[in-house]
Amino acid sequence: MKKVRPVLKYLIFFAIGVLLLWLAFRNKDQEKILSAFQQANYWWLVISVLCMLISDVSRALRWTLLVRPLGYNLTHKHSFIAVMIGYLSNMIIPRMGELSRCVALNQTDDIPIDSLMGTVIVERVIDVFILITLVGVTLLIEYDALIYFYQYVLTPKLDFDLIPYMKMEGGLLVLSLLLLLGGVYYFLHRKYGWSVVSQTVNRYYKGFKSGLSTIRSLESPWKFWAHTVLIWGMYWVMTYVVFFSFEATSQLDPIAGLAIFVIGSVGFIMPVQGGIGTYHWAVTEGFKLYGVSASIGLTFATILHASQFLAILLVGGISYVLFLVIRYKKVRNKVDQPNAGDSEATDPSEASPIDPSRYNS
C-alpha cells in the first residue's frame, strides 16, 4: 500500500493539471486561439529558449561552487548534465529533480548523496526566498494593475465589491498582510505548539540561515550571488521576449513581463508534472491584469510552456545519454584497474616486503 500511495498521488496531481488545462481551453474561441497561433512570431521563442539554457548553465556553475568546498573536483560538464537530468525528471515526477541530479552526480563522481542534498537544499531555500521577494515587489509595483483586475475582472464575478477594501496604499496593504500572517503564525504556534505549519516555517528559516553561512564560507561568495542574479534575470527575460511574438502584448513594458513571470512561476511550482495546466491557467489569468484577451494569454502560455518542455526534453535527453556514457566508462575503468593491479603485483621487478630467507631452514 505504501508503494501505491506515491503513484496514486502523482496520478491525482496529473489529473488536476489536465483538468486545469481543459478548463483553460474550455469555452474559449477556438478560431481566435488558432489565429493567434498562426500569427505568432516564433523567432522570439528561439531567444527565449537560449535565455533558458543560459540560466541552466549558470545554475550548473553555481552548484559547482557549492560542491567543490566539500573536497570534490566537480567539473562544469558533469554538473550541467546532472542539472538537466533533474529538470527532465521533474517533467515526469514533480519534486524528483533534486534527488535525480544528486543520484546522477553520485554515480559519475562518487560524491555522497547526503552531501549533495545539503547543497541542493541551500539552493532551494535561496530560490524560494527570491521568488517570495519578487512576489512582494510585484505586488508593490503593479498595485494599480491589481486594483484594475479586482474591479473589472474579479468583482463582477462576486456578490460584493472588493474595491472599498482595496483603497489603502500599497505599502500599508503589504504591511497589513504581513501583520496578519504574523498573527496567524503566532496563534497557531501558541495553540498547537510546533505544529506542521510552524515546523515548516522554522525549517525554512533555519535552512535560510544555514544557506547564508554556507555561501559566506565560499572562496568567492560574489560568484554565487552573480549566478543567482543571472539565473533569475534570464527567467524574467525568457518570459518578456515572448511578448514580442504577439501584437497585443508587444506594447507591454518589462514590469508587466516581471508580473507575468512571477505569476507563471507560482503556477509552475505547483506539484503537477511540468506545471501542466497550472501554468497555463495562471498566465492566462495574469494577462487579464493588462486587458489582454484570454485567447492571446492562453496562446502565449501554451507556446512558451511547449518551447521550454521541448528544450528540456531535447537537452535533458542528450544529457542522460552522456550520463550513461560517462557511467559506462567509469565502470569499465574499475573493471580494468584490478587486472592492471594484478600484472603489477606479478612483476618480478617488484621487491617483496618479506624476506624469504627468514623461512629457510
Protein backbone atom coordinates (compact mmCIF):
# COMPACT_ATOMS: atom_id res chain seq x y z
CA MET A 1 0.00 0.00 0.00
CA LYS A 2 2.89 2.35 0.80
CA LYS A 3 4.26 1.86 -2.73
CA VAL A 4 0.87 2.59 -4.26
CA ARG A 5 0.30 5.89 -2.44
CA PRO A 6 3.08 7.91 -4.17
CA VAL A 7 1.94 6.69 -7.59
CA LEU A 8 -1.66 7.49 -6.73
CA LYS A 9 -0.63 10.97 -5.51
CA TYR A 10 1.21 11.76 -8.75
CA LEU A 11 -1.70 10.48 -10.82
CA ILE A 12 -4.09 12.71 -8.87
CA PHE A 13 -1.90 15.79 -9.37
CA PHE A 14 -1.52 14.95 -13.06
CA ALA A 15 -5.29 14.63 -13.37
CA ILE A 16 -5.68 18.02 -11.67
CA GLY A 17 -3.24 19.52 -14.18
CA VAL A 18 -5.11 18.02 -17.12
CA LEU A 19 -8.39 19.30 -15.66
CA LEU A 20 -6.99 22.83 -15.30
CA LEU A 21 -5.65 22.67 -18.86
CA TRP A 22 -9.09 21.61 -20.09
CA LEU A 23 -10.72 24.41 -18.09
CA ALA A 24 -8.25 26.89 -19.55
CA PHE A 25 -9.27 25.95 -23.11
CA ARG A 26 -12.94 25.37 -22.34
CA ASN A 27 -15.40 27.97 -23.64
CA LYS A 28 -12.60 29.84 -25.42
CA ASP A 29 -12.99 30.99 -29.01
CA GLN A 30 -11.08 28.25 -30.81
CA GLU A 31 -10.86 30.28 -34.01
CA LYS A 32 -9.20 33.18 -32.17
CA ILE A 33 -6.76 30.80 -30.48
CA LEU A 34 -5.89 29.19 -33.82
CA SER A 35 -5.46 32.63 -35.38
CA ALA A 36 -3.15 33.67 -32.52
CA PHE A 37 -1.03 30.56 -33.08
CA GLN A 38 -0.77 31.33 -36.78
CA GLN A 39 0.13 35.00 -36.32
CA ALA A 40 2.71 34.48 -33.56
CA ASN A 41 6.35 35.31 -34.35
CA TYR A 42 8.14 32.15 -33.26
CA TRP A 43 11.66 33.58 -33.65
CA TRP A 44 11.25 35.18 -30.25
CA LEU A 45 10.83 31.69 -28.83
CA VAL A 46 14.34 30.84 -30.03
CA ILE A 47 15.70 33.75 -27.98
CA SER A 48 13.58 32.63 -25.03
CA VAL A 49 14.99 29.09 -25.18
CA LEU A 50 18.54 30.46 -25.41
CA CYS A 51 17.89 32.51 -22.26
CA MET A 52 16.61 29.38 -20.56
CA LEU A 53 19.77 27.46 -21.49
CA ILE A 54 21.94 30.32 -20.19
CA SER A 55 20.10 30.09 -16.86
CA ASP A 56 20.62 26.32 -16.83
CA VAL A 57 24.36 26.69 -17.43
CA SER A 58 24.54 29.34 -14.72
CA ARG A 59 22.69 27.06 -12.30
CA ALA A 60 25.19 24.27 -13.01
CA LEU A 61 28.12 26.66 -12.41
CA ARG A 62 26.51 27.87 -9.17
CA TRP A 63 26.07 24.28 -7.99
CA THR A 64 29.74 23.60 -8.71
CA LEU A 65 30.65 26.46 -6.37
CA LEU A 66 28.70 24.78 -3.55
CA VAL A 67 30.03 21.26 -4.18
CA ARG A 68 33.76 21.95 -4.54
CA PRO A 69 34.25 23.09 -0.90
CA LEU A 70 33.17 19.56 0.07
CA GLY A 71 36.52 18.36 -1.29
CA TYR A 72 35.40 17.06 -4.70
CA ASN A 73 36.74 18.34 -8.00
CA LEU A 74 33.39 18.57 -9.77
CA THR A 75 33.60 19.56 -13.43
CA HIS A 76 31.18 22.02 -15.03
CA LYS A 77 30.26 19.38 -17.63
CA HIS A 78 29.14 16.80 -15.06
CA SER A 79 27.28 19.46 -13.07
CA PHE A 80 25.35 20.63 -16.15
CA ILE A 81 24.46 17.04 -17.14
CA ALA A 82 23.13 16.34 -13.65
CA VAL A 83 21.11 19.59 -13.57
CA MET A 84 19.45 18.80 -16.90
CA ILE A 85 18.66 15.25 -15.77
CA GLY A 86 16.97 16.83 -12.76
CA TYR A 87 14.85 19.07 -14.97
CA LEU A 88 13.95 16.08 -17.14
CA SER A 89 12.88 14.11 -14.06
CA ASN A 90 10.66 16.97 -12.90
CA MET A 91 8.75 16.76 -16.16
CA ILE A 92 7.83 13.17 -15.23
CA ILE A 93 7.53 13.22 -11.44
CA PRO A 94 7.17 16.52 -9.52
CA ARG A 95 9.92 17.27 -6.95
CA MET A 96 12.01 14.36 -8.22
CA GLY A 97 14.57 16.61 -9.93
CA GLU A 98 16.53 17.46 -6.77
CA LEU A 99 17.07 13.81 -5.91
CA SER A 100 17.68 12.75 -9.52
CA ARG A 101 20.54 15.16 -10.14
CA CYS A 102 22.15 14.16 -6.84
CA VAL A 103 21.92 10.48 -7.76
CA ALA A 104 23.35 11.20 -11.23
CA LEU A 105 26.33 13.08 -9.79
CA ASN A 106 26.86 10.37 -7.20
CA GLN A 107 27.18 7.77 -9.95
CA THR A 108 29.55 9.83 -12.09
CA ASP A 109 31.73 11.48 -9.41
CA ASP A 110 31.22 9.28 -6.30
CA ILE A 111 30.02 12.25 -4.25
CA PRO A 112 27.78 11.17 -1.31
CA ILE A 113 24.11 11.87 -1.97
CA ASP A 114 23.62 13.29 1.54
CA SER A 115 26.30 15.92 0.94
CA LEU A 116 24.82 16.82 -2.44
CA MET A 117 21.31 17.10 -0.98
CA GLY A 118 22.67 19.62 1.51
CA THR A 119 23.85 21.86 -1.32
CA VAL A 120 20.54 21.44 -3.16
CA ILE A 121 18.62 22.47 -0.03
CA VAL A 122 20.77 25.63 0.16
CA GLU A 123 19.90 26.41 -3.47
CA ARG A 124 16.22 25.71 -2.98
CA VAL A 125 15.87 27.85 0.16
CA ILE A 126 17.63 30.79 -1.50
CA ASP A 127 15.50 30.48 -4.65
CA VAL A 128 12.26 30.27 -2.64
CA PHE A 129 13.29 33.41 -0.74
CA ILE A 130 13.99 35.22 -4.03
CA LEU A 131 10.64 34.16 -5.50
CA ILE A 132 8.79 35.39 -2.41
CA THR A 133 10.70 38.67 -2.63
CA LEU A 134 9.77 39.04 -6.31
CA VAL A 135 6.12 38.38 -5.48
CA GLY A 136 6.23 41.18 -2.89
CA VAL A 137 7.99 43.57 -5.27
CA THR A 138 5.45 42.80 -7.99
CA LEU A 139 2.55 43.47 -5.61
CA LEU A 140 4.01 46.88 -4.79
CA ILE A 141 4.91 47.89 -8.35
CA GLU A 142 1.75 46.63 -10.02
CA TYR A 143 -0.68 47.73 -7.32
CA ASP A 144 -2.77 49.75 -9.81
CA ALA A 145 -3.00 46.79 -12.16
CA LEU A 146 -4.19 44.60 -9.30
CA ILE A 147 -6.88 47.16 -8.46
CA TYR A 148 -7.97 47.13 -12.13
CA PHE A 149 -8.07 43.34 -12.09
CA TYR A 150 -10.22 43.19 -8.97
CA GLN A 151 -12.56 45.96 -10.18
CA TYR A 152 -13.18 44.87 -13.76
CA VAL A 153 -12.38 41.15 -13.81
CA LEU A 154 -12.90 39.58 -10.39
CA THR A 155 -15.54 41.80 -8.76
CA PRO A 156 -18.22 41.21 -11.46
CA LYS A 157 -17.97 37.50 -10.63
CA LEU A 158 -18.51 38.10 -6.90
CA ASP A 159 -21.56 39.08 -4.89
CA PHE A 160 -19.83 42.10 -3.30
CA ASP A 161 -17.38 44.82 -4.27
CA LEU A 162 -13.81 44.44 -3.04
CA ILE A 163 -12.69 47.91 -4.08
CA PRO A 164 -13.68 49.72 -0.85
CA TYR A 165 -11.38 47.35 0.97
CA MET A 166 -8.55 47.88 -1.52
CA LYS A 167 -8.25 51.68 -1.31
CA MET A 168 -5.35 51.73 1.11
CA GLU A 169 -1.87 52.46 -0.18
CA GLY A 170 0.20 49.58 -1.49
CA GLY A 171 2.76 49.73 1.34
CA LEU A 172 0.07 49.76 4.00
CA LEU A 173 -1.65 46.83 2.31
CA VAL A 174 1.52 44.73 2.30
CA LEU A 175 2.24 45.70 5.91
CA SER A 176 -1.28 44.66 6.91
CA LEU A 177 -0.86 41.32 5.16
CA LEU A 178 2.46 40.73 6.92
CA LEU A 179 0.90 41.55 10.29
CA LEU A 180 -2.00 39.24 9.51
CA LEU A 181 0.33 36.38 8.57
CA GLY A 182 2.40 37.03 11.69
CA GLY A 183 -0.72 36.93 13.84
CA VAL A 184 -1.89 33.69 12.26
CA TYR A 185 1.54 32.16 12.77
CA TYR A 186 1.63 33.29 16.44
CA PHE A 187 -1.88 31.91 17.05
CA LEU A 188 -1.04 28.52 15.54
CA HIS A 189 2.22 28.39 17.45
CA ARG A 190 0.56 29.16 20.82
CA LYS A 191 -2.45 26.90 20.24
CA TYR A 192 -0.83 23.86 18.63
CA GLY A 193 2.82 24.20 19.66
CA TRP A 194 5.23 23.11 16.98
CA SER A 195 2.52 22.28 14.52
CA VAL A 196 3.07 21.30 10.92
CA VAL A 197 2.82 24.93 9.80
CA SER A 198 5.21 26.14 12.47
CA GLN A 199 7.69 23.35 11.75
CA THR A 200 7.67 24.18 8.04
CA VAL A 201 8.31 27.89 8.64
CA ASN A 202 11.00 27.12 11.20
CA ARG A 203 12.67 24.61 8.88
CA TYR A 204 12.87 27.11 6.03
CA TYR A 205 14.13 29.80 8.39
CA LYS A 206 16.91 27.53 9.70
CA GLY A 207 17.67 26.41 6.16
CA PHE A 208 17.95 30.02 5.04
CA LYS A 209 20.36 30.86 7.89
CA SER A 210 22.40 27.74 7.18
CA GLY A 211 22.44 28.58 3.49
CA LEU A 212 23.72 32.10 4.13
CA SER A 213 26.51 30.78 6.35
CA THR A 214 27.43 28.21 3.69
CA ILE A 215 27.56 30.87 0.99
CA ARG A 216 29.69 33.18 3.17
CA SER A 217 32.22 30.37 3.61
CA LEU A 218 32.77 30.05 -0.15
CA GLU A 219 36.01 31.32 -1.64
CA SER A 220 34.07 33.70 -3.89
CA PRO A 221 30.58 34.34 -2.46
CA TRP A 222 30.04 37.09 -5.02
CA LYS A 223 30.13 34.45 -7.79
CA PHE A 224 27.24 32.61 -6.15
CA TRP A 225 25.14 35.77 -5.98
CA ALA A 226 26.16 36.81 -9.51
CA HIS A 227 24.94 33.45 -10.85
CA THR A 228 21.76 33.77 -8.78
CA VAL A 229 21.01 37.17 -10.32
CA LEU A 230 21.80 35.82 -13.78
CA ILE A 231 19.55 32.78 -13.31
CA TRP A 232 16.52 34.80 -12.24
CA GLY A 233 17.29 37.58 -14.69
CA MET A 234 17.21 35.08 -17.54
CA TYR A 235 13.93 33.66 -16.23
CA TRP A 236 12.49 37.17 -16.45
CA VAL A 237 13.91 37.87 -19.91
CA MET A 238 12.86 34.49 -21.34
CA THR A 239 9.27 35.39 -20.46
CA TYR A 240 9.35 39.02 -21.56
CA VAL A 241 10.87 38.46 -25.01
CA VAL A 242 7.90 36.28 -25.97
CA PHE A 243 5.71 39.37 -25.51
CA PHE A 244 7.01 40.49 -28.89
CA SER A 245 5.57 37.38 -30.53
CA PHE A 246 2.09 38.92 -30.34
CA GLU A 247 0.90 42.37 -31.34
CA ALA A 248 -1.44 42.52 -28.33
CA THR A 249 1.42 42.05 -25.84
CA SER A 250 4.29 43.74 -27.67
CA GLN A 251 3.42 47.15 -26.19
CA LEU A 252 3.63 45.95 -22.58
CA ASP A 253 6.69 47.02 -20.60
CA PRO A 254 9.29 44.86 -18.79
CA ILE A 255 7.46 45.38 -15.49
CA ALA A 256 4.48 43.57 -16.99
CA GLY A 257 6.93 40.89 -18.07
CA LEU A 258 8.07 40.59 -14.46
CA ALA A 259 4.48 40.25 -13.25
CA ILE A 260 3.63 37.53 -15.78
CA PHE A 261 6.89 35.73 -15.00
CA VAL A 262 6.15 35.74 -11.25
CA ILE A 263 2.54 34.64 -11.76
CA GLY A 264 3.68 31.87 -14.11
CA SER A 265 6.37 30.78 -11.63
CA VAL A 266 3.74 30.34 -8.94
CA GLY A 267 1.81 28.14 -11.36
CA PHE A 268 4.98 26.23 -12.26
CA ILE A 269 5.91 25.30 -8.69
CA MET A 270 2.58 23.58 -8.09
CA PRO A 271 3.02 19.79 -7.56
CA VAL A 272 1.92 18.98 -11.11
CA GLN A 273 4.16 17.41 -13.72
CA GLY A 274 5.90 20.23 -15.58
CA GLY A 275 3.32 22.79 -14.45
CA ILE A 276 0.83 21.40 -16.98
CA GLY A 277 -2.47 23.20 -16.62
CA THR A 278 -1.49 25.25 -13.57
CA TYR A 279 0.98 27.35 -15.58
CA HIS A 280 -1.49 27.88 -18.44
CA TRP A 281 -4.29 28.91 -16.11
CA ALA A 282 -2.08 31.25 -14.03
CA VAL A 283 -0.58 33.05 -17.05
CA THR A 284 -3.95 33.41 -18.79
CA GLU A 285 -5.48 34.96 -15.68
CA GLY A 286 -2.38 37.12 -15.16
CA PHE A 287 -2.69 38.72 -18.58
CA LYS A 288 -6.16 39.90 -17.62
CA LEU A 289 -4.37 42.42 -15.38
CA TYR A 290 -3.35 44.21 -18.57
CA GLY A 291 -6.54 43.77 -20.55
CA VAL A 292 -5.10 41.03 -22.79
CA SER A 293 -7.72 38.63 -24.11
CA ALA A 294 -7.88 35.09 -22.79
CA SER A 295 -7.17 33.67 -26.28
CA ILE A 296 -3.88 35.60 -26.55
CA GLY A 297 -2.93 34.84 -22.94
CA LEU A 298 -3.63 31.14 -23.36
CA THR A 299 -1.74 31.01 -26.65
CA PHE A 300 1.20 32.81 -25.03
CA ALA A 301 1.27 30.34 -22.13
CA THR A 302 0.97 27.35 -24.46
CA ILE A 303 3.81 28.21 -26.82
CA LEU A 304 6.14 29.36 -24.03
CA HIS A 305 5.46 26.24 -21.96
CA ALA A 306 5.78 23.99 -25.01
CA SER A 307 9.11 25.55 -26.04
CA GLN A 308 10.51 25.04 -22.55
CA PHE A 309 9.18 21.48 -22.41
CA LEU A 310 10.69 20.53 -25.78
CA ALA A 311 14.03 22.17 -24.93
CA ILE A 312 14.26 20.29 -21.63
CA LEU A 313 13.21 17.08 -23.35
CA LEU A 314 15.93 17.50 -26.00
CA VAL A 315 18.80 18.80 -23.86
CA GLY A 316 17.82 16.61 -20.91
CA GLY A 317 17.64 13.55 -23.17
CA ILE A 318 21.10 14.27 -24.61
CA SER A 319 22.41 14.83 -21.07
CA TYR A 320 21.02 11.47 -19.98
CA VAL A 321 22.76 9.72 -22.88
CA LEU A 322 26.03 11.45 -21.95
CA PHE A 323 25.46 10.37 -18.34
CA LEU A 324 25.12 6.74 -19.45
CA VAL A 325 28.34 7.02 -21.47
CA ILE A 326 30.24 8.55 -18.54
CA ARG A 327 28.94 5.90 -16.16
CA TYR A 328 29.83 3.11 -18.62
CA LYS A 329 33.39 4.39 -18.98
CA LYS A 330 33.69 4.64 -15.22
CA VAL A 331 32.55 1.03 -14.75
CA ARG A 332 34.96 -0.16 -17.45
CA ASN A 333 37.85 1.63 -15.78
CA LYS A 334 37.02 -0.04 -12.47
CA VAL A 335 36.93 -3.42 -14.17
CA ASP A 336 40.26 -2.83 -15.91
CA GLN A 337 42.10 -1.46 -12.89
CA PRO A 338 42.17 -4.73 -10.90
CA ASN A 339 43.72 -6.51 -13.91
CA ALA A 340 46.35 -3.81 -14.13
CA GLY A 341 46.99 -4.20 -10.42
CA ASP A 342 47.44 -7.97 -10.77
CA SER A 343 50.01 -7.55 -13.54
CA GLU A 344 51.93 -5.09 -11.44
CA ALA A 345 51.87 -7.45 -8.46
CA THR A 346 53.35 -10.29 -10.53
CA ASP A 347 56.07 -8.06 -11.95
CA PRO A 348 59.40 -9.73 -10.92
CA SER A 349 60.99 -6.32 -10.64
CA GLU A 350 58.80 -5.53 -7.65
CA ALA A 351 60.63 -6.18 -4.39
CA SER A 352 58.77 -8.27 -1.80
CA PRO A 353 58.38 -6.61 1.60
CA ILE A 354 59.01 -10.04 3.23
CA ASP A 355 62.46 -11.62 3.19
CA PRO A 356 62.01 -15.26 2.01
CA SER A 357 65.35 -16.25 3.61
CA ARG A 358 63.70 -16.00 7.03
CA TYR A 359 61.79 -19.18 6.27
CA ASN A 360 64.77 -21.21 5.05
CA SER A 361 65.80 -23.84 7.49
